[in-house]
Amino acid sequence: MKTWQLQDAKSKFSQVINLAVNDSPQCVTKSGKVVAYIVSAETYEKEHGISLKEILLSRPHKDIELEIMRDREEPRELEL
């Protein structure tokens, strides 16, 4: 497992993701402390027995009500 400082992980995010998918989980540190592990979706699903898609579809925060900010039937007025 490779360890990345946060600023390096941000600037090389694609590389971090590719290594997590093709090699092993990646460790991210901030101020010398481990703050996150980046793992592939496959690894996560094996460990937790559930996919992110299933989590999102189960609506874990179903008690939160979202308010529609505008009527989508009416077009927006734009100044040109």
PDB file of N, CA and C in Angstrom:
ATOM      1  N   MET A   1       0.851  -1.170   0.000  1.00  0.00           N
ATOM      2  CA  MET A   1       0.000   0.000   0.000  1.00  0.00           C
ATOM      3  C   MET A   1       0.898   1.234   0.000  1.00  0.00           C
ATOM      4  N   LYS A   2       0.615   2.125  -0.914  1.00  0.00           N
ATOM      5  CA  LYS A   2       1.377   3.376  -1.009  1.00  0.00           C
ATOM      6  C   LYS A   2       0.705   4.428  -0.146  1.00  0.00           C
ATOM      7  N   THR A   3       1.507   5.270   0.486  1.00  0.00           N
ATOM      8  CA  THR A   3       0.994   6.374   1.296  1.00  0.00           C
ATOM      9  C   THR A   3       1.243   7.683   0.561  1.00  0.00           C
ATOM     10  N   TRP A   4       0.210   8.511   0.529  1.00  0.00           N
ATOM     11  CA  TRP A   4       0.264   9.793  -0.164  1.00  0.00           C
ATOM     12  C   TRP A   4      -0.025  10.914   0.815  1.00  0.00           C
ATOM     13  N   GLN A   5       0.721  12.002   0.721  1.00  0.00           N
ATOM     14  CA  GLN A   5       0.336  13.211   1.434  1.00  0.00           C
ATOM     15  C   GLN A   5      -0.863  13.788   0.685  1.00  0.00           C
ATOM     16  N   LEU A   6      -1.763  14.409   1.417  1.00  0.00           N
ATOM     17  CA  LEU A   6      -3.018  14.891   0.816  1.00  0.00           C
ATOM     18  C   LEU A   6      -2.786  15.742  -0.423  1.00  0.00           C
ATOM     19  N   GLN A   7      -1.871  16.698  -0.363  1.00  0.00           N
ATOM     20  CA  GLN A   7      -1.653  17.578  -1.518  1.00  0.00           C
ATOM     21  C   GLN A   7      -1.164  16.793  -2.731  1.00  0.00           C
ATOM     22  N   ASP A   8      -0.351  15.753  -2.510  1.00  0.00           N
ATOM     23  CA  ASP A   8       0.110  14.917  -3.626  1.00  0.00           C
ATOM     24  C   ASP A   8      -1.029  14.067  -4.177  1.00  0.00           C
ATOM     25  N   ALA A   9      -1.860  13.536  -3.274  1.00  0.00           N
ATOM     26  CA  ALA A   9      -3.000  12.724  -3.712  1.00  0.00           C
ATOM     27  C   ALA A   9      -3.960  13.556  -4.552  1.00  0.00           C
ATOM     28  N   LYS A  10      -4.158  14.820  -4.173  1.00  0.00           N
ATOM     29  CA  LYS A  10      -5.047  15.693  -4.948  1.00  0.00           C
ATOM     30  C   LYS A  10      -4.482  15.974  -6.324  1.00  0.00           C
ATOM     31  N   SER A  11      -3.183  16.247  -6.384  1.00  0.00           N
ATOM     32  CA  SER A  11      -2.593  16.610  -7.680  1.00  0.00           C
ATOM     33  C   SER A  11      -2.410  15.404  -8.596  1.00  0.00           C
ATOM     34  N   LYS A  12      -2.385  14.201  -8.016  1.00  0.00           N
ATOM     35  CA  LYS A  12      -2.217  12.983  -8.817  1.00  0.00           C
ATOM     36  C   LYS A  12      -3.396  12.031  -8.619  1.00  0.00           C
ATOM     37  N   PHE A  13      -4.576  12.607  -8.521  1.00  0.00           N
ATOM     38  CA  PHE A  13      -5.773  11.836  -8.185  1.00  0.00           C
ATOM     39  C   PHE A  13      -6.005  10.657  -9.134  1.00  0.00           C
ATOM     40  N   SER A  14      -5.847  10.869 -10.423  1.00  0.00           N
ATOM     41  CA  SER A  14      -6.050   9.777 -11.389  1.00  0.00           C
ATOM     42  C   SER A  14      -5.096   8.624 -11.125  1.00  0.00           C
ATOM     43  N   GLN A  15      -3.856   8.939 -10.813  1.00  0.00           N
ATOM     44  CA  GLN A  15      -2.866   7.901 -10.525  1.00  0.00           C
ATOM     45  C   GLN A  15      -3.234   7.151  -9.241  1.00  0.00           C
ATOM     46  N   VAL A  16      -3.680   7.886  -8.220  1.00  0.00           N
ATOM     47  CA  VAL A  16      -4.088   7.261  -6.956  1.00  0.00           C
ATOM     48  C   VAL A  16      -5.244   6.298  -7.203  1.00  0.00           C
ATOM     49  N   ILE A  17      -6.227   6.728  -7.979  1.00  0.00           N
ATOM     50  CA  ILE A  17      -7.383   5.879  -8.282  1.00  0.00           C
ATOM     51  C   ILE A  17      -6.945   4.648  -9.068  1.00  0.00           C
ATOM     52  N   ASN A  18      -6.117   4.832 -10.088  1.00  0.00           N
ATOM     53  CA  ASN A  18      -5.651   3.695 -10.882  1.00  0.00           C
ATOM     54  C   ASN A  18      -4.926   2.674 -10.020  1.00  0.00           C
ATOM     55  N   LEU A  19      -4.092   3.133  -9.096  1.00  0.00           N
ATOM     56  CA  LEU A  19      -3.388   2.209  -8.204  1.00  0.00           C
ATOM     57  C   LEU A  19      -4.365   1.498  -7.269  1.00  0.00           C
ATOM     58  N   ALA A  20      -5.377   2.211  -6.785  1.00  0.00           N
ATOM     59  CA  ALA A  20      -6.370   1.587  -5.910  1.00  0.00           C
ATOM     60  C   ALA A  20      -7.140   0.503  -6.650  1.00  0.00           C
ATOM     61  N   VAL A  21      -7.438   0.743  -7.909  1.00  0.00           N
ATOM     62  CA  VAL A  21      -8.204  -0.220  -8.709  1.00  0.00           C
ATOM     63  C   VAL A  21      -7.336  -1.398  -9.145  1.00  0.00           C
ATOM     64  N   ASN A  22      -6.119  -1.121  -9.582  1.00  0.00           N
ATOM     65  CA  ASN A  22      -5.282  -2.157 -10.187  1.00  0.00           C
ATOM     66  C   ASN A  22      -4.251  -2.786  -9.267  1.00  0.00           C
ATOM     67  N   ASP A  23      -3.998  -2.188  -8.106  1.00  0.00           N
ATOM     68  CA  ASP A  23      -2.923  -2.681  -7.246  1.00  0.00           C
ATOM     69  C   ASP A  23      -3.439  -2.970  -5.836  1.00  0.00           C
ATOM     70  N   SER A  24      -3.585  -1.948  -5.035  1.00  0.00           N
ATOM     71  CA  SER A  24      -4.004  -2.138  -3.645  1.00  0.00           C
ATOM     72  C   SER A  24      -4.570  -0.826  -3.112  1.00  0.00           C
ATOM     73  N   PRO A  25      -5.233  -0.862  -1.949  1.00  0.00           N
ATOM     74  CA  PRO A  25      -5.739   0.384  -1.359  1.00  0.00           C
ATOM     75  C   PRO A  25      -4.610   1.403  -1.187  1.00  0.00           C
ATOM     76  N   GLN A  26      -4.967   2.662  -1.253  1.00  0.00           N
ATOM     77  CA  GLN A  26      -4.006   3.745  -1.123  1.00  0.00           C
ATOM     78  C   GLN A  26      -4.315   4.522   0.163  1.00  0.00           C
ATOM     79  N   CYS A  27      -3.274   4.884   0.884  1.00  0.00           N
ATOM     80  CA  CYS A  27      -3.400   5.588   2.159  1.00  0.00           C
ATOM     81  C   CYS A  27      -3.136   7.079   1.933  1.00  0.00           C
ATOM     82  N   VAL A  28      -3.967   7.937   2.522  1.00  0.00           N
ATOM     83  CA  VAL A  28      -3.795   9.382   2.393  1.00  0.00           C
ATOM     84  C   VAL A  28      -3.575   9.963   3.792  1.00  0.00           C
ATOM     85  N   THR A  29      -2.538  10.805   3.918  1.00  0.00           N
ATOM     86  CA  THR A  29      -2.230  11.426   5.199  1.00  0.00           C
ATOM     87  C   THR A  29      -2.356  12.945   5.108  1.00  0.00           C
ATOM     88  N   LYS A  30      -2.635  13.544   6.265  1.00  0.00           N
ATOM     89  CA  LYS A  30      -2.686  15.007   6.375  1.00  0.00           C
ATOM     90  C   LYS A  30      -1.985  15.364   7.674  1.00  0.00           C
ATOM     91  N   SER A  31      -1.000  16.200   7.601  1.00  0.00           N
ATOM     92  CA  SER A  31      -0.199  16.579   8.767  1.00  0.00           C
ATOM     93  C   SER A  31       0.372  15.349   9.468  1.00  0.00           C
ATOM     94  N   GLY A  32       0.752  14.352   8.666  1.00  0.00           N
ATOM     95  CA  GLY A  32       1.379  13.149   9.202  1.00  0.00           C
ATOM     96  C   GLY A  32       0.434  12.116   9.782  1.00  0.00           C
ATOM     97  N   LYS A  33      -0.871  12.385   9.758  1.00  0.00           N
ATOM     98  CA  LYS A  33      -1.855  11.438  10.297  1.00  0.00           C
ATOM     99  C   LYS A  33      -2.674  10.833   9.165  1.00  0.00           C
ATOM    100  N   VAL A  34      -2.958   9.544   9.265  1.00  0.00           N
ATOM    101  CA  VAL A  34      -3.794   8.877   8.258  1.00  0.00           C
ATOM    102  C   VAL A  34      -5.205   9.438   8.357  1.00  0.00           C
ATOM    103  N   VAL A  35      -5.725   9.940   7.230  1.00  0.00           N
ATOM    104  CA  VAL A  35      -7.081  10.509   7.214  1.00  0.00           C
ATOM    105  C   VAL A  35      -8.036   9.739   6.312  1.00  0.00           C
ATOM    106  N   ALA A  36      -7.489   8.937   5.383  1.00  0.00           N
ATOM    107  CA  ALA A  36      -8.376   8.220   4.470  1.00  0.00           C
ATOM    108  C   ALA A  36      -7.638   7.079   3.791  1.00  0.00           C
ATOM    109  N   TYR A  37      -8.422   6.105   3.389  1.00  0.00           N
ATOM    110  CA  TYR A  37      -7.934   5.031   2.522  1.00  0.00           C
ATOM    111  C   TYR A  37      -8.785   5.069   1.273  1.00  0.00           C
ATOM    112  N   ILE A  38      -8.161   4.946   0.142  1.00  0.00           N
ATOM    113  CA  ILE A  38      -8.886   4.894  -1.122  1.00  0.00           C
ATOM    114  C   ILE A  38      -8.823   3.457  -1.605  1.00  0.00           C
ATOM    115  N   VAL A  39     -10.003   2.863  -1.761  1.00  0.00           N
ATOM    116  CA  VAL A  39     -10.091   1.474  -2.200  1.00  0.00           C
ATOM    117  C   VAL A  39     -10.953   1.393  -3.445  1.00  0.00           C
ATOM    118  N   SER A  40     -10.768   0.338  -4.213  1.00  0.00           N
ATOM    119  CA  SER A  40     -11.590   0.138  -5.403  1.00  0.00           C
ATOM    120  C   SER A  40     -13.019  -0.193  -4.985  1.00  0.00           C
ATOM    121  N   ALA A  41     -13.961   0.048  -5.876  1.00  0.00           N
ATOM    122  CA  ALA A  41     -15.354  -0.307  -5.611  1.00  0.00           C
ATOM    123  C   ALA A  41     -15.475  -1.808  -5.382  1.00  0.00           C
ATOM    124  N   GLU A  42     -14.710  -2.588  -6.130  1.00  0.00           N
ATOM    125  CA  GLU A  42     -14.746  -4.046  -5.981  1.00  0.00           C
ATOM    126  C   GLU A  42     -14.311  -4.466  -4.573  1.00  0.00           C
ATOM    127  N   THR A  43     -13.238  -3.868  -4.076  1.00  0.00           N
ATOM    128  CA  THR A  43     -12.767  -4.171  -2.723  1.00  0.00           C
ATOM    129  C   THR A  43     -13.807  -3.770  -1.689  1.00  0.00           C
ATOM    130  N   TYR A  44     -14.375  -2.587  -1.841  1.00  0.00           N
ATOM    131  CA  TYR A  44     -15.392  -2.106  -0.904  1.00  0.00           C
ATOM    132  C   TYR A  44     -16.589  -3.053  -0.871  1.00  0.00           C
ATOM    133  N   GLU A  45     -17.059  -3.425  -2.051  1.00  0.00           N
ATOM    134  CA  GLU A  45     -18.231  -4.297  -2.134  1.00  0.00           C
ATOM    135  C   GLU A  45     -17.956  -5.673  -1.541  1.00  0.00           C
ATOM    136  N   LYS A  46     -16.743  -6.206  -1.736  1.00  0.00           N
ATOM    137  CA  LYS A  46     -16.385  -7.495  -1.129  1.00  0.00           C
ATOM    138  C   LYS A  46     -16.384  -7.403   0.388  1.00  0.00           C
ATOM    139  N   GLU A  47     -15.829  -6.323   0.919  1.00  0.00           N
ATOM    140  CA  GLU A  47     -15.709  -6.152   2.369  1.00  0.00           C
ATOM    141  C   GLU A  47     -17.044  -5.884   3.040  1.00  0.00           C
ATOM    142  N   HIS A  48     -17.924  -5.137   2.367  1.00  0.00           N
ATOM    143  CA  HIS A  48     -19.180  -4.714   2.983  1.00  0.00           C
ATOM    144  C   HIS A  48     -20.406  -5.474   2.495  1.00  0.00           C
ATOM    145  N   GLY A  49     -20.240  -6.257   1.459  1.00  0.00           N
ATOM    146  CA  GLY A  49     -21.349  -7.051   0.954  1.00  0.00           C
ATOM    147  C   GLY A  49     -22.469  -6.235   0.334  1.00  0.00           C
ATOM    148  N   ILE A  50     -22.185  -4.981   0.017  1.00  0.00           N
ATOM    149  CA  ILE A  50     -23.197  -4.126  -0.593  1.00  0.00           C
ATOM    150  C   ILE A  50     -22.500  -3.126  -1.512  1.00  0.00           C
ATOM    151  N   SER A  51     -23.135  -2.816  -2.613  1.00  0.00           N
ATOM    152  CA  SER A  51     -22.534  -1.873  -3.553  1.00  0.00           C
ATOM    153  C   SER A  51     -22.980  -0.455  -3.214  1.00  0.00           C
ATOM    154  N   LEU A  52     -22.209   0.504  -3.672  1.00  0.00           N
ATOM    155  CA  LEU A  52     -22.582   1.897  -3.476  1.00  0.00           C
ATOM    156  C   LEU A  52     -23.940   2.166  -4.108  1.00  0.00           C
ATOM    157  N   LYS A  53     -24.198   1.558  -5.251  1.00  0.00           N
ATOM    158  CA  LYS A  53     -25.487   1.728  -5.920  1.00  0.00           C
ATOM    159  C   LYS A  53     -26.613   1.268  -5.003  1.00  0.00           C
ATOM    160  N   GLU A  54     -26.435   0.129  -4.342  1.00  0.00           N
ATOM    161  CA  GLU A  54     -27.464  -0.378  -3.437  1.00  0.00           C
ATOM    162  C   GLU A  54     -27.660   0.548  -2.241  1.00  0.00           C
ATOM    163  N   ILE A  55     -26.561   1.094  -1.738  1.00  0.00           N
ATOM    164  CA  ILE A  55     -26.658   2.031  -0.618  1.00  0.00           C
ATOM    165  C   ILE A  55     -27.474   3.257  -1.023  1.00  0.00           C
ATOM    166  N   LEU A  56     -27.151   3.821  -2.183  1.00  0.00           N
ATOM    167  CA  LEU A  56     -27.860   5.016  -2.636  1.00  0.00           C
ATOM    168  C   LEU A  56     -29.337   4.729  -2.923  1.00  0.00           C
ATOM    169  N   LEU A  57     -29.613   3.566  -3.507  1.00  0.00           N
ATOM    170  CA  LEU A  57     -30.996   3.221  -3.807  1.00  0.00           C
ATOM    171  C   LEU A  57     -31.812   2.893  -2.561  1.00  0.00           C
ATOM    172  N   SER A  58     -31.133   2.512  -1.475  1.00  0.00           N
ATOM    173  CA  SER A  58     -31.854   2.203  -0.237  1.00  0.00           C
ATOM    174  C   SER A  58     -32.293   3.470   0.482  1.00  0.00           C
ATOM    175  N   ARG A  59     -31.843   4.619  -0.004  1.00  0.00           N
ATOM    176  CA  ARG A  59     -32.206   5.915   0.551  1.00  0.00           C
ATOM    177  C   ARG A  59     -31.947   5.975   2.056  1.00  0.00           C
ATOM    178  N   PRO A  60     -30.680   5.866   2.478  1.00  0.00           N
ATOM    179  CA  PRO A  60     -30.389   5.886   3.909  1.00  0.00           C
ATOM    180  C   PRO A  60     -30.803   7.178   4.597  1.00  0.00           C
ATOM    181  N   HIS A  61     -30.976   8.244   3.832  1.00  0.00           N
ATOM    182  CA  HIS A  61     -31.389   9.527   4.403  1.00  0.00           C
ATOM    183  C   HIS A  61     -32.779   9.899   3.919  1.00  0.00           C
ATOM    184  N   LYS A  62     -33.671   8.912   3.892  1.00  0.00           N
ATOM    185  CA  LYS A  62     -35.001   9.140   3.338  1.00  0.00           C
ATOM    186  C   LYS A  62     -35.841  10.107   4.163  1.00  0.00           C
ATOM    187  N   ASP A  63     -35.430  10.387   5.400  1.00  0.00           N
ATOM    188  CA  ASP A  63     -36.183  11.321   6.234  1.00  0.00           C
ATOM    189  C   ASP A  63     -35.926  12.774   5.846  1.00  0.00           C
ATOM    190  N   ILE A  64     -34.890  13.015   5.049  1.00  0.00           N
ATOM    191  CA  ILE A  64     -34.579  14.367   4.620  1.00  0.00           C
ATOM    192  C   ILE A  64     -35.494  14.729   3.457  1.00  0.00           C
ATOM    193  N   GLU A  65     -36.184  15.852   3.593  1.00  0.00           N
ATOM    194  CA  GLU A  65     -37.055  16.302   2.510  1.00  0.00           C
ATOM    195  C   GLU A  65     -36.341  17.379   1.711  1.00  0.00           C
ATOM    196  N   LEU A  66     -36.370  17.245   0.410  1.00  0.00           N
ATOM    197  CA  LEU A  66     -35.747  18.214  -0.472  1.00  0.00           C
ATOM    198  C   LEU A  66     -36.814  19.124  -1.035  1.00  0.00           C
ATOM    199  N   GLU A  67     -36.519  20.396  -1.059  1.00  0.00           N
ATOM    200  CA  GLU A  67     -37.464  21.377  -1.551  1.00  0.00           C
ATOM    201  C   GLU A  67     -37.098  21.767  -2.975  1.00  0.00           C
ATOM    202  N   ILE A  68     -38.060  21.749  -3.859  1.00  0.00           N
ATOM    203  CA  ILE A  68     -37.821  22.185  -5.237  1.00  0.00           C
ATOM    204  C   ILE A  68     -37.767  23.703  -5.226  1.00  0.00           C
ATOM    205  N   MET A  69     -36.709  24.232  -5.766  1.00  0.00           N
ATOM    206  CA  MET A  69     -36.479  25.671  -5.691  1.00  0.00           C
ATOM    207  C   MET A  69     -37.259  26.471  -6.740  1.00  0.00           C
ATOM    208  N   ARG A  70     -37.655  25.847  -7.820  1.00  0.00           N
ATOM    209  CA  ARG A  70     -38.404  26.588  -8.832  1.00  0.00           C
ATOM    210  C   ARG A  70     -39.354  25.649  -9.547  1.00  0.00           C
ATOM    211  N   ASP A  71     -40.351  26.213 -10.155  1.00  0.00           N
ATOM    212  CA  ASP A  71     -41.323  25.453 -10.916  1.00  0.00           C
ATOM    213  C   ASP A  71     -40.686  25.084 -12.253  1.00  0.00           C
ATOM    214  N   ARG A  72     -40.524  23.808 -12.491  1.00  0.00           N
ATOM    215  CA  ARG A  72     -39.860  23.362 -13.718  1.00  0.00           C
ATOM    216  C   ARG A  72     -40.781  23.431 -14.942  1.00  0.00           C
ATOM    217  N   GLU A  73     -42.046  23.719 -14.711  1.00  0.00           N
ATOM    218  CA  GLU A  73     -42.975  23.848 -15.829  1.00  0.00           C
ATOM    219  C   GLU A  73     -42.767  25.174 -16.580  1.00  0.00           C
ATOM    220  N   GLU A  74     -42.335  26.171 -15.846  1.00  0.00           N
ATOM    221  CA  GLU A  74     -42.145  27.486 -16.433  1.00  0.00           C
ATOM    222  C   GLU A  74     -40.680  27.648 -16.821  1.00  0.00           C
ATOM    223  N   PRO A  75     -40.407  28.184 -18.007  1.00  0.00           N
ATOM    224  CA  PRO A  75     -39.015  28.415 -18.384  1.00  0.00           C
ATOM    225  C   PRO A  75     -38.385  29.525 -17.543  1.00  0.00           C
ATOM    226  N   ARG A  76     -37.097  29.482 -17.398  1.00  0.00           N
ATOM    227  CA  ARG A  76     -36.396  30.530 -16.682  1.00  0.00           C
ATOM    228  C   ARG A  76     -36.334  31.799 -17.514  1.00  0.00           C
ATOM    229  N   GLU A  77     -36.384  32.917 -16.829  1.00  0.00           N
ATOM    230  CA  GLU A  77     -36.194  34.194 -17.530  1.00  0.00           C
ATOM    231  C   GLU A  77     -34.713  34.527 -17.502  1.00  0.00           C
ATOM    232  N   LEU A  78     -34.155  34.778 -18.663  1.00  0.00           N
ATOM    233  CA  LEU A  78     -32.745  35.108 -18.771  1.00  0.00           C
ATOM    234  C   LEU A  78     -32.579  36.475 -19.403  1.00  0.00           C
ATOM    235  N   GLU A  79     -31.680  37.260 -18.824  1.00  0.00           N
ATOM    236  CA  GLU A  79     -31.350  38.557 -19.433  1.00  0.00           C
ATOM    237  C   GLU A  79     -30.215  38.350 -20.413  1.00  0.00           C
ATOM    238  N   LEU A  80     -30.382  38.840 -21.618  1.00  0.00           N
ATOM    239  CA  LEU A  80     -29.330  38.718 -22.633  1.00  0.00           C
ATOM    240  C   LEU A  80     -28.750  40.065 -22.979  1.00  0.00           C
TER     241      LEU A  80
END
